Amino acid sequence: MSESNNDAGRQQELLLLGQIHGLVQSLKDGQNQQNVRMDRMEARMEEHYTGLDTRLREVEKKAAVAGALSGGAVAVGTALVVEGIKQFIRGNGLGN
């Protein structure tokens, strides 16, 4: 009788081990699927941000050119105003 109890206990252990193995395999498969999804999403986001980065660089270049041009115009305008004030102060008056 003890031998049949041992066989029944062994079968129970094997069934439990099989269930545990199935659960672990299921978790592993689910994790692998999740990893694949995350890799795909990461690749899409990288493509998206690369496109945004390229467009942003173009905007930054245009802003830098506009800033340089407006800065130059302000510098010339300021120089003209200063020169006009100098001429006025020297007594030449307006238009002389």
N, C-alpha and C. Protein backbone atom coordinates (compact mmCIF):
# COMPACT_ATOMS: atom_id res chain seq x y z
N MET A 1 0.82 -1.17 0.00
CA MET A 1 0.00 0.00 0.00
C MET A 1 0.87 1.25 0.00
N SER A 2 1.99 1.18 0.66
CA SER A 2 2.85 2.34 0.72
C SER A 2 3.45 2.63 -0.65
N GLU A 3 3.67 1.56 -1.45
CA GLU A 3 4.20 1.78 -2.79
C GLU A 3 3.19 2.49 -3.67
N SER A 4 1.92 2.17 -3.55
CA SER A 4 0.90 2.84 -4.35
C SER A 4 0.71 4.29 -3.89
N ASN A 5 0.89 4.53 -2.59
CA ASN A 5 0.83 5.90 -2.07
C ASN A 5 1.99 6.73 -2.63
N ASN A 6 3.17 6.09 -2.71
CA ASN A 6 4.33 6.78 -3.26
C ASN A 6 4.11 7.10 -4.74
N ASP A 7 3.53 6.11 -5.48
CA ASP A 7 3.26 6.34 -6.90
C ASP A 7 2.24 7.46 -7.07
N ALA A 8 1.21 7.48 -6.26
CA ALA A 8 0.18 8.53 -6.34
C ALA A 8 0.79 9.89 -5.98
N GLY A 9 1.64 9.91 -4.96
CA GLY A 9 2.30 11.15 -4.57
C GLY A 9 3.23 11.65 -5.67
N ARG A 10 3.92 10.71 -6.29
CA ARG A 10 4.84 11.07 -7.38
C ARG A 10 4.07 11.62 -8.57
N GLN A 11 2.94 11.01 -8.88
CA GLN A 11 2.10 11.49 -9.99
C GLN A 11 1.57 12.89 -9.68
N GLN A 12 1.18 13.11 -8.45
CA GLN A 12 0.68 14.43 -8.02
C GLN A 12 1.78 15.48 -8.17
N GLU A 13 3.00 15.12 -7.77
CA GLU A 13 4.13 16.04 -7.89
C GLU A 13 4.40 16.35 -9.36
N LEU A 14 4.36 15.33 -10.20
CA LEU A 14 4.61 15.54 -11.62
C LEU A 14 3.53 16.43 -12.25
N LEU A 15 2.28 16.23 -11.84
CA LEU A 15 1.20 17.08 -12.35
C LEU A 15 1.40 18.54 -11.93
N LEU A 16 1.77 18.73 -10.67
CA LEU A 16 2.01 20.08 -10.18
C LEU A 16 3.21 20.72 -10.89
N LEU A 17 4.28 19.94 -11.09
CA LEU A 17 5.43 20.45 -11.82
C LEU A 17 5.06 20.81 -13.26
N GLY A 18 4.21 20.00 -13.88
CA GLY A 18 3.74 20.29 -15.24
C GLY A 18 2.94 21.58 -15.28
N GLN A 19 2.07 21.78 -14.28
CA GLN A 19 1.29 23.01 -14.21
C GLN A 19 2.19 24.23 -14.00
N ILE A 20 3.16 24.08 -13.11
CA ILE A 20 4.10 25.18 -12.86
C ILE A 20 4.89 25.49 -14.13
N HIS A 21 5.35 24.44 -14.80
CA HIS A 21 6.10 24.64 -16.04
C HIS A 21 5.23 25.37 -17.08
N GLY A 22 3.98 24.97 -17.20
CA GLY A 22 3.06 25.62 -18.14
C GLY A 22 2.86 27.09 -17.80
N LEU A 23 2.71 27.39 -16.51
CA LEU A 23 2.54 28.78 -16.09
C LEU A 23 3.78 29.61 -16.39
N VAL A 24 4.94 29.05 -16.08
CA VAL A 24 6.20 29.76 -16.34
C VAL A 24 6.38 29.99 -17.84
N GLN A 25 6.07 28.97 -18.64
CA GLN A 25 6.19 29.10 -20.09
C GLN A 25 5.22 30.16 -20.62
N SER A 26 4.02 30.19 -20.07
CA SER A 26 3.03 31.19 -20.47
C SER A 26 3.51 32.60 -20.13
N LEU A 27 4.08 32.77 -18.94
CA LEU A 27 4.62 34.06 -18.54
C LEU A 27 5.77 34.48 -19.45
N LYS A 28 6.62 33.51 -19.78
CA LYS A 28 7.76 33.79 -20.65
C LYS A 28 7.29 34.21 -22.04
N ASP A 29 6.31 33.50 -22.59
CA ASP A 29 5.78 33.83 -23.91
C ASP A 29 5.14 35.22 -23.90
N GLY A 30 4.39 35.52 -22.84
CA GLY A 30 3.77 36.84 -22.71
C GLY A 30 4.81 37.94 -22.63
N GLN A 31 5.88 37.70 -21.90
CA GLN A 31 6.96 38.69 -21.78
C GLN A 31 7.65 38.89 -23.12
N ASN A 32 7.87 37.80 -23.86
CA ASN A 32 8.48 37.92 -25.18
C ASN A 32 7.61 38.74 -26.12
N GLN A 33 6.29 38.51 -26.08
CA GLN A 33 5.37 39.31 -26.91
C GLN A 33 5.42 40.77 -26.51
N GLN A 34 5.46 41.02 -25.23
CA GLN A 34 5.53 42.40 -24.74
C GLN A 34 6.83 43.07 -25.19
N ASN A 35 7.93 42.33 -25.14
CA ASN A 35 9.22 42.87 -25.59
C ASN A 35 9.18 43.23 -27.07
N VAL A 36 8.56 42.36 -27.88
CA VAL A 36 8.44 42.64 -29.32
C VAL A 36 7.61 43.90 -29.53
N ARG A 37 6.50 44.03 -28.82
CA ARG A 37 5.65 45.23 -28.94
C ARG A 37 6.42 46.48 -28.54
N MET A 38 7.15 46.41 -27.45
CA MET A 38 7.91 47.57 -26.99
C MET A 38 9.00 47.95 -27.99
N ASP A 39 9.66 46.94 -28.57
CA ASP A 39 10.69 47.22 -29.57
C ASP A 39 10.08 47.92 -30.79
N ARG A 40 8.91 47.44 -31.23
CA ARG A 40 8.24 48.08 -32.37
C ARG A 40 7.86 49.52 -32.04
N MET A 41 7.30 49.72 -30.86
CA MET A 41 6.89 51.07 -30.46
C MET A 41 8.10 51.98 -30.36
N GLU A 42 9.18 51.48 -29.80
CA GLU A 42 10.40 52.27 -29.68
C GLU A 42 10.93 52.68 -31.05
N ALA A 43 10.88 51.75 -32.00
CA ALA A 43 11.35 52.05 -33.36
C ALA A 43 10.47 53.11 -34.00
N ARG A 44 9.14 53.01 -33.82
CA ARG A 44 8.24 54.02 -34.38
C ARG A 44 8.48 55.39 -33.74
N MET A 45 8.68 55.40 -32.43
CA MET A 45 8.92 56.68 -31.75
C MET A 45 10.24 57.29 -32.20
N GLU A 46 11.26 56.45 -32.42
CA GLU A 46 12.55 56.96 -32.86
C GLU A 46 12.42 57.58 -34.25
N GLU A 47 11.66 56.93 -35.15
CA GLU A 47 11.42 57.49 -36.48
C GLU A 47 10.69 58.82 -36.36
N HIS A 48 9.69 58.86 -35.50
CA HIS A 48 8.89 60.07 -35.32
C HIS A 48 9.76 61.21 -34.81
N TYR A 49 10.55 60.95 -33.79
CA TYR A 49 11.37 62.00 -33.20
C TYR A 49 12.51 62.41 -34.12
N THR A 50 12.99 61.49 -34.95
CA THR A 50 14.02 61.85 -35.93
C THR A 50 13.45 62.85 -36.92
N GLY A 51 12.21 62.60 -37.37
CA GLY A 51 11.55 63.54 -38.27
C GLY A 51 11.32 64.88 -37.60
N LEU A 52 10.90 64.86 -36.36
CA LEU A 52 10.69 66.11 -35.63
C LEU A 52 12.00 66.86 -35.45
N ASP A 53 13.05 66.13 -35.14
CA ASP A 53 14.36 66.74 -34.93
C ASP A 53 14.84 67.42 -36.22
N THR A 54 14.64 66.76 -37.35
CA THR A 54 15.04 67.34 -38.63
C THR A 54 14.27 68.62 -38.90
N ARG A 55 12.95 68.59 -38.68
CA ARG A 55 12.14 69.79 -38.91
C ARG A 55 12.52 70.90 -37.94
N LEU A 56 12.79 70.54 -36.69
CA LEU A 56 13.17 71.54 -35.70
C LEU A 56 14.50 72.20 -36.06
N ARG A 57 15.43 71.43 -36.60
CA ARG A 57 16.71 72.01 -37.02
C ARG A 57 16.49 73.07 -38.10
N GLU A 58 15.59 72.78 -39.04
CA GLU A 58 15.30 73.75 -40.10
C GLU A 58 14.71 75.02 -39.52
N VAL A 59 13.80 74.88 -38.57
CA VAL A 59 13.20 76.05 -37.93
C VAL A 59 14.26 76.84 -37.18
N GLU A 60 15.16 76.13 -36.48
CA GLU A 60 16.23 76.81 -35.74
C GLU A 60 17.16 77.56 -36.68
N LYS A 61 17.48 76.97 -37.84
CA LYS A 61 18.34 77.65 -38.82
C LYS A 61 17.67 78.93 -39.31
N LYS A 62 16.39 78.83 -39.64
CA LYS A 62 15.67 80.01 -40.13
C LYS A 62 15.59 81.09 -39.05
N ALA A 63 15.37 80.66 -37.80
CA ALA A 63 15.31 81.63 -36.70
C ALA A 63 16.68 82.29 -36.49
N ALA A 64 17.76 81.54 -36.65
CA ALA A 64 19.09 82.11 -36.49
C ALA A 64 19.37 83.14 -37.59
N VAL A 65 18.97 82.84 -38.82
CA VAL A 65 19.17 83.79 -39.92
C VAL A 65 18.33 85.05 -39.67
N ALA A 66 17.07 84.85 -39.28
CA ALA A 66 16.19 85.99 -39.01
C ALA A 66 16.75 86.83 -37.86
N GLY A 67 17.27 86.19 -36.83
CA GLY A 67 17.86 86.90 -35.70
C GLY A 67 19.09 87.69 -36.11
N ALA A 68 19.92 87.10 -36.94
CA ALA A 68 21.13 87.79 -37.40
C ALA A 68 20.75 89.00 -38.25
N LEU A 69 19.78 88.82 -39.15
CA LEU A 69 19.37 89.94 -40.00
C LEU A 69 18.75 91.06 -39.18
N SER A 70 17.87 90.72 -38.25
CA SER A 70 17.24 91.77 -37.44
C SER A 70 18.27 92.42 -36.51
N GLY A 71 19.19 91.66 -36.00
CA GLY A 71 20.25 92.22 -35.16
C GLY A 71 21.12 93.19 -35.95
N GLY A 72 21.45 92.81 -37.19
CA GLY A 72 22.22 93.70 -38.06
C GLY A 72 21.46 94.98 -38.37
N ALA A 73 20.16 94.84 -38.65
CA ALA A 73 19.34 96.02 -38.94
C ALA A 73 19.27 96.94 -37.73
N VAL A 74 19.12 96.37 -36.56
CA VAL A 74 19.06 97.19 -35.34
C VAL A 74 20.40 97.89 -35.11
N ALA A 75 21.49 97.18 -35.36
CA ALA A 75 22.82 97.78 -35.19
C ALA A 75 23.01 98.96 -36.14
N VAL A 76 22.63 98.79 -37.41
CA VAL A 76 22.75 99.88 -38.37
C VAL A 76 21.85 101.04 -37.98
N GLY A 77 20.62 100.72 -37.60
CA GLY A 77 19.69 101.78 -37.17
C GLY A 77 20.21 102.53 -35.96
N THR A 78 20.76 101.82 -35.01
CA THR A 78 21.30 102.46 -33.81
C THR A 78 22.49 103.34 -34.17
N ALA A 79 23.35 102.87 -35.06
CA ALA A 79 24.50 103.67 -35.48
C ALA A 79 24.04 104.95 -36.17
N LEU A 80 23.01 104.85 -37.00
CA LEU A 80 22.48 106.04 -37.68
C LEU A 80 21.88 107.03 -36.68
N VAL A 81 21.15 106.53 -35.70
CA VAL A 81 20.56 107.40 -34.69
C VAL A 81 21.67 108.08 -33.88
N VAL A 82 22.66 107.31 -33.46
CA VAL A 82 23.76 107.89 -32.69
C VAL A 82 24.48 108.95 -33.51
N GLU A 83 24.75 108.67 -34.76
CA GLU A 83 25.42 109.64 -35.63
C GLU A 83 24.56 110.89 -35.81
N GLY A 84 23.26 110.70 -35.95
CA GLY A 84 22.36 111.85 -36.06
C GLY A 84 22.37 112.71 -34.81
N ILE A 85 22.40 112.05 -33.66
CA ILE A 85 22.44 112.80 -32.39
C ILE A 85 23.77 113.55 -32.28
N LYS A 86 24.87 112.92 -32.67
CA LYS A 86 26.18 113.59 -32.64
C LYS A 86 26.16 114.83 -33.53
N GLN A 87 25.63 114.72 -34.72
CA GLN A 87 25.57 115.84 -35.66
C GLN A 87 24.72 116.97 -35.08
N PHE A 88 23.61 116.60 -34.46
CA PHE A 88 22.71 117.60 -33.90
C PHE A 88 23.39 118.34 -32.74
N ILE A 89 24.10 117.56 -31.89
CA ILE A 89 24.76 118.15 -30.73
C ILE A 89 25.90 119.07 -31.17
N ARG A 90 26.60 118.74 -32.20
CA ARG A 90 27.72 119.55 -32.69
C ARG A 90 27.25 120.89 -33.25
N GLY A 91 25.96 121.05 -33.34
CA GLY A 91 25.44 122.33 -33.76
C GLY A 91 25.14 122.44 -35.22
N ASN A 92 25.27 121.36 -35.91
CA ASN A 92 24.96 121.44 -37.32
C ASN A 92 23.46 121.48 -37.55
N GLY A 93 22.71 121.09 -36.52
CA GLY A 93 21.23 121.10 -36.64
C GLY A 93 20.73 120.02 -37.56
N LEU A 94 19.45 120.10 -37.83
CA LEU A 94 18.84 119.11 -38.72
C LEU A 94 19.09 119.47 -40.17
N GLY A 95 19.44 118.52 -40.94
CA GLY A 95 19.58 118.69 -42.37
C GLY A 95 20.85 119.38 -42.81
N ASN A 96 21.78 119.69 -42.00
CA ASN A 96 23.03 120.35 -42.41
C ASN A 96 24.13 119.35 -42.51
